Protein backbone atom coordinates (compact mmCIF):
# COMPACT_ATOMS: atom_id res chain seq x y z
CA MET A 1 25.92 -28.78 -33.71
CA VAL A 2 27.30 -27.90 -30.02
CA PHE A 3 30.22 -25.12 -30.32
CA ALA A 4 32.03 -26.04 -26.89
CA GLU A 5 32.58 -23.27 -24.30
CA ARG A 6 30.67 -20.50 -26.34
CA PHE A 7 28.54 -19.50 -23.05
CA ARG A 8 31.01 -20.26 -20.70
CA ASN A 9 30.89 -17.58 -17.96
CA ARG A 10 27.29 -16.54 -18.89
CA ALA A 11 24.33 -16.54 -16.72
CA ALA A 12 20.73 -17.41 -19.09
CA ILE A 13 17.55 -17.01 -18.54
CA VAL A 14 14.90 -19.10 -20.52
CA THR A 15 11.25 -18.14 -20.09
CA GLY A 16 8.82 -21.03 -21.57
CA GLY A 17 11.91 -23.44 -20.34
CA ALA A 18 10.12 -26.47 -19.53
CA SER A 19 8.88 -27.55 -23.00
CA GLY A 20 9.19 -27.22 -26.77
CA ILE A 21 11.67 -24.66 -28.11
CA GLY A 22 12.75 -23.11 -24.90
CA ALA A 23 13.56 -26.87 -23.48
CA ASP A 24 16.11 -27.02 -26.27
CA VAL A 25 17.66 -23.75 -26.15
CA ALA A 26 18.26 -24.42 -22.71
CA ARG A 27 19.99 -27.44 -23.21
CA ARG A 28 22.19 -26.10 -25.63
CA LEU A 29 23.07 -23.30 -23.68
CA VAL A 30 24.05 -25.64 -20.59
CA ALA A 31 26.21 -27.87 -23.28
CA GLU A 32 27.98 -24.65 -24.52
CA GLY A 33 29.03 -23.48 -20.99
CA ALA A 34 26.27 -21.63 -19.92
CA ARG A 35 24.57 -21.39 -16.24
CA VAL A 36 20.55 -21.42 -16.83
CA SER A 37 17.52 -20.86 -15.05
CA LEU A 38 14.15 -21.97 -16.42
CA TRP A 39 10.93 -19.82 -15.81
CA ASP A 40 7.70 -21.72 -16.41
CA LEU A 41 3.87 -22.01 -15.22
CA GLN A 42 4.30 -25.90 -15.43
CA VAL A 43 5.91 -26.32 -11.90
CA GLU A 44 5.89 -30.32 -12.76
CA ALA A 45 7.23 -30.01 -16.00
CA LEU A 46 10.09 -27.61 -14.74
CA ALA A 47 11.43 -30.16 -12.34
CA ALA A 48 11.96 -32.55 -15.53
CA ALA A 49 13.37 -30.17 -17.59
CA ARG A 50 15.58 -28.96 -14.91
CA THR A 51 17.00 -32.69 -14.78
CA ALA A 52 16.87 -32.77 -18.66
CA THR A 53 18.53 -29.44 -19.46
CA GLY A 54 21.13 -29.37 -16.90
CA ALA A 55 19.58 -26.13 -15.59
CA LEU A 56 20.95 -24.76 -12.55
CA ASP A 57 17.89 -22.81 -11.40
CA VAL A 58 14.30 -23.47 -11.76
CA GLN A 59 11.36 -20.60 -10.93
CA ALA A 60 7.70 -21.65 -11.53
CA LEU A 61 6.01 -18.01 -12.33
CA ASP A 62 3.01 -16.31 -13.93
CA ILE A 63 4.82 -14.39 -16.17
CA CYS A 64 1.71 -12.25 -16.58
CA ASP A 65 2.47 -10.82 -12.99
CA ALA A 66 4.77 -8.66 -13.52
CA ALA A 67 5.68 -8.77 -9.54
CA ALA A 68 6.21 -12.08 -9.90
CA VAL A 69 8.83 -11.34 -12.55
CA THR A 70 10.84 -8.84 -10.31
CA GLN A 71 10.77 -11.50 -7.93
CA ALA A 72 11.97 -14.37 -10.19
CA MET A 73 14.44 -12.47 -11.63
CA ASP A 74 15.80 -11.30 -8.59
CA ALA A 75 15.85 -15.06 -7.61
CA SER A 76 17.55 -16.22 -10.65
CA ILE A 77 20.38 -13.16 -10.70
CA ILE A 78 21.32 -14.48 -7.15
CA ALA A 79 21.07 -18.15 -8.09
CA LEU A 80 23.16 -17.57 -11.14
CA GLY A 81 25.41 -15.24 -10.30
CA GLY A 82 24.49 -12.12 -13.06
CA LEU A 83 22.11 -12.16 -16.04
CA ASP A 84 23.66 -11.86 -19.74
CA ILE A 85 21.02 -13.75 -22.02
CA LEU A 86 17.16 -13.38 -21.83
CA VAL A 87 15.62 -15.95 -24.09
CA ALA A 88 11.57 -15.35 -23.93
CA SER A 89 9.75 -17.90 -25.55
CA ALA A 90 6.58 -18.72 -23.37
CA GLY A 91 3.66 -18.25 -25.31
CA ILE A 92 -0.16 -19.68 -25.81
CA THR A 93 -1.95 -19.95 -29.04
CA GLY A 94 -5.50 -19.20 -27.97
CA PRO A 95 -8.35 -20.64 -29.30
CA ASN A 96 -8.98 -21.12 -33.54
CA LEU A 97 -11.70 -19.14 -33.93
CA PRO A 98 -13.11 -16.33 -36.47
CA VAL A 99 -12.67 -13.10 -34.90
CA ARG A 100 -16.69 -12.54 -34.67
CA ASP A 101 -16.59 -15.50 -32.46
CA TYR A 102 -13.15 -14.92 -30.20
CA PRO A 103 -13.66 -14.81 -26.76
CA ALA A 104 -13.18 -11.74 -24.90
CA ASP A 105 -11.42 -13.46 -21.89
CA ALA A 106 -9.09 -15.66 -24.33
CA TRP A 107 -8.07 -12.49 -26.22
CA ARG A 108 -6.83 -10.69 -22.80
CA ARG A 109 -4.97 -13.93 -22.12
CA VAL A 110 -3.10 -14.29 -25.10
CA ILE A 111 -1.87 -10.48 -25.10
CA ASP A 112 -1.25 -11.43 -21.42
CA VAL A 113 1.03 -13.55 -21.99
CA ASN A 114 2.38 -13.43 -25.20
CA LEU A 115 3.40 -9.78 -25.16
CA ASN A 116 2.55 -8.02 -21.41
CA GLY A 117 4.41 -10.79 -19.83
CA LEU A 118 7.43 -10.34 -22.70
CA PHE A 119 7.31 -7.09 -22.20
CA TYR A 120 7.53 -7.76 -18.03
CA CYS A 121 10.54 -9.75 -18.34
CA ASN A 122 12.43 -7.48 -21.44
CA GLN A 123 12.06 -4.55 -18.53
CA ALA A 124 13.68 -6.69 -16.04
CA ALA A 125 16.46 -8.23 -17.92
CA ILE A 126 17.05 -4.56 -19.08
CA ARG A 127 17.39 -3.12 -15.61
CA ALA A 128 19.81 -6.20 -15.01
CA MET A 129 22.32 -5.84 -18.04
CA GLU A 130 22.45 -2.11 -18.21
CA PRO A 131 24.84 -1.50 -15.18
CA LYS A 132 27.12 -4.12 -16.79
CA ASP A 133 26.49 -3.02 -20.41
CA TYR A 134 26.24 -6.52 -21.51
CA GLY A 135 23.56 -8.36 -22.62
CA ARG A 136 21.80 -10.55 -25.70
CA ILE A 137 17.41 -10.88 -25.46
CA VAL A 138 15.77 -13.17 -28.23
CA ASN A 139 12.37 -12.56 -28.22
CA ILE A 140 10.22 -15.52 -30.11
CA ALA A 141 7.76 -14.13 -32.02
CA SER A 142 6.21 -15.67 -35.16
CA ILE A 143 5.48 -15.65 -38.81
CA SER A 144 1.64 -15.09 -37.81
CA GLY A 145 3.15 -11.86 -36.55
CA LYS A 146 3.83 -10.38 -40.15
CA GLU A 147 1.56 -12.26 -42.34
CA GLY A 148 -1.47 -12.77 -40.01
CA ASN A 149 -3.32 -16.14 -39.71
CA PRO A 150 -7.19 -16.41 -40.10
CA ASN A 151 -8.95 -17.90 -36.82
CA ALA A 152 -5.99 -16.80 -35.00
CA SER A 153 -6.21 -13.39 -34.55
CA ALA A 154 -5.01 -12.89 -30.51
CA TYR A 155 -2.03 -15.08 -31.15
CA SER A 156 -1.11 -12.95 -34.96
CA ALA A 157 -1.57 -9.62 -32.76
CA SER A 158 0.30 -10.58 -29.87
CA LYS A 159 3.69 -11.87 -32.30
CA ALA A 160 3.14 -8.76 -34.67
CA GLY A 161 3.57 -6.37 -31.29
CA VAL A 162 6.64 -9.08 -29.97
CA ILE A 163 8.33 -7.51 -33.58
CA GLY A 164 7.29 -4.04 -33.00
CA PHE A 165 8.24 -4.21 -29.30
CA THR A 166 12.17 -6.09 -30.30
CA LYS A 167 12.47 -2.94 -33.10
CA ALA A 168 11.67 -0.42 -30.48
CA LEU A 169 13.66 -1.78 -27.79
CA GLY A 170 16.69 -2.61 -29.90
CA LYS A 171 16.78 0.63 -30.74
CA GLU A 172 16.72 2.56 -27.39
CA VAL A 173 19.68 0.10 -26.28
CA ALA A 174 21.79 0.44 -29.71
CA ARG A 175 24.57 2.47 -28.16
CA THR A 176 25.50 -0.13 -25.24
CA ASN A 177 26.66 -3.92 -25.73
CA ILE A 178 22.82 -4.89 -25.00
CA ARG A 179 21.42 -6.83 -28.43
CA VAL A 180 17.83 -7.15 -28.59
CA ASN A 181 16.46 -9.59 -31.71
CA CYS A 182 13.28 -11.83 -32.50
CA VAL A 183 12.98 -14.85 -34.68
CA THR A 184 10.22 -15.36 -36.85
CA PRO A 185 9.63 -19.41 -37.00
CA ALA A 186 6.92 -21.01 -39.07
CA ALA A 187 5.17 -23.57 -37.67
CA VAL A 188 7.25 -25.81 -35.36
CA ARG A 189 5.83 -29.63 -33.97
CA THR A 190 5.66 -28.26 -30.13
CA PRO A 191 3.28 -29.19 -27.60
CA ILE A 192 2.03 -26.02 -28.39
CA PHE A 193 0.74 -27.75 -31.20
CA ASP A 194 -1.87 -29.42 -28.67
CA GLN A 195 -3.23 -26.20 -28.36
CA MET A 196 -4.95 -25.85 -32.07
CA THR A 197 -7.27 -27.54 -34.38
CA ARG A 198 -5.61 -29.94 -37.08
CA GLU A 199 -7.29 -27.78 -39.54
CA HIS A 200 -4.94 -24.71 -38.54
CA ILE A 201 -2.39 -27.45 -38.18
CA ASP A 202 -2.96 -28.19 -41.87
CA PHE A 203 -3.16 -24.88 -43.27
CA MET A 204 -0.08 -23.69 -41.45
CA LEU A 205 1.63 -26.49 -43.07
CA SER A 206 0.38 -25.38 -46.14
CA LYS A 207 1.66 -22.31 -46.50
CA ILE A 208 5.53 -23.41 -46.04
CA PRO A 209 7.28 -23.48 -49.16
CA VAL A 210 9.55 -26.29 -48.36
CA GLY A 211 6.47 -28.50 -47.74
CA ARG A 212 7.40 -29.30 -43.65
CA PHE A 213 7.54 -27.81 -40.33
CA GLY A 214 10.66 -27.02 -38.62
CA THR A 215 12.42 -28.49 -36.22
CA ILE A 216 13.34 -27.56 -33.15
CA GLU A 217 16.64 -27.96 -33.41
CA GLU A 218 16.99 -25.85 -36.45
CA MET A 219 14.85 -22.80 -34.40
CA THR A 220 17.47 -23.34 -31.54
CA SER A 221 20.88 -23.08 -33.68
CA LEU A 222 19.37 -19.52 -34.78
CA VAL A 223 18.23 -18.59 -31.24
CA CYS A 224 21.70 -19.46 -30.01
CA TRP A 225 23.51 -17.82 -32.60
CA LEU A 226 21.88 -14.57 -31.74
CA ALA A 227 21.92 -15.23 -27.49
CA SER A 228 26.10 -15.18 -27.75
CA ASP A 229 28.93 -12.66 -28.68
CA GLU A 230 28.52 -13.43 -32.48
CA ALA A 231 25.42 -11.45 -32.55
CA SER A 232 27.14 -8.24 -32.48
CA PHE A 233 26.21 -5.91 -34.79
CA SER A 234 22.70 -6.96 -35.04
CA THR A 235 19.96 -5.28 -33.25
CA GLY A 236 16.50 -4.57 -33.29
CA ALA A 237 16.15 -7.07 -36.07
CA VAL A 238 13.88 -10.37 -37.04
CA PHE A 239 15.10 -13.01 -38.51
CA ASP A 240 13.04 -15.46 -40.64
CA VAL A 241 12.86 -18.99 -40.08
CA SER A 242 9.99 -20.25 -42.03
CA GLY A 243 10.91 -22.51 -44.30
CA GLY A 244 10.62 -19.88 -47.26
CA ARG A 245 7.05 -18.59 -46.20
CA ALA A 246 8.21 -15.51 -45.19
CA THR A 247 7.72 -13.12 -48.03
CA TYR A 248 8.86 -9.60 -46.53
């Protein structure tokens, strides 16, 4: 369901916007009136996503590079005429291996993308939002950040970090009109599945009480509510969309 003009005159950045949840969120934001900039490392996919979503702007960058994030933020703000919304959706899974066999370079890359990169994007967004005293930040975490998935230690640790970071930042800006929340999806069939083993995918499905994976559209609905004016009394919060998997 699209709510006409819910994001009229709002400017939004969506990281990981070339595919999956990020691309669908961008499409929905545009459909409801927002001006959107897509950030992603996949240069060729960005061009297709821009056409598919109706995004006004694209920025090809590695969010692990703090200087590149600052430059992209400046460029997007000029293109969009400001910033009201950040949806931080960019992420990778890393290999599905036990801790004893986990390569150190793969560990560092997962933490760098999923946690450090998200920090750089949130920091740049907060700096842009504070002068106007308005903003919505929605960070995409994961149910694995709450429960921990075996053979996915780096991913689980990085997403737990996103949850803790979101709570901290939400409290820091609670007295303003900036709201910072995160969502913790269970498994959703997106291109990120291509980074996982069949065994790990089956394991995740076995943990979901409703017996199916979530849909991208179900994630998008929650993210867009949190990105809207309606989410005015929730900040530093964690919203489960896990098919009953979450136990706390």
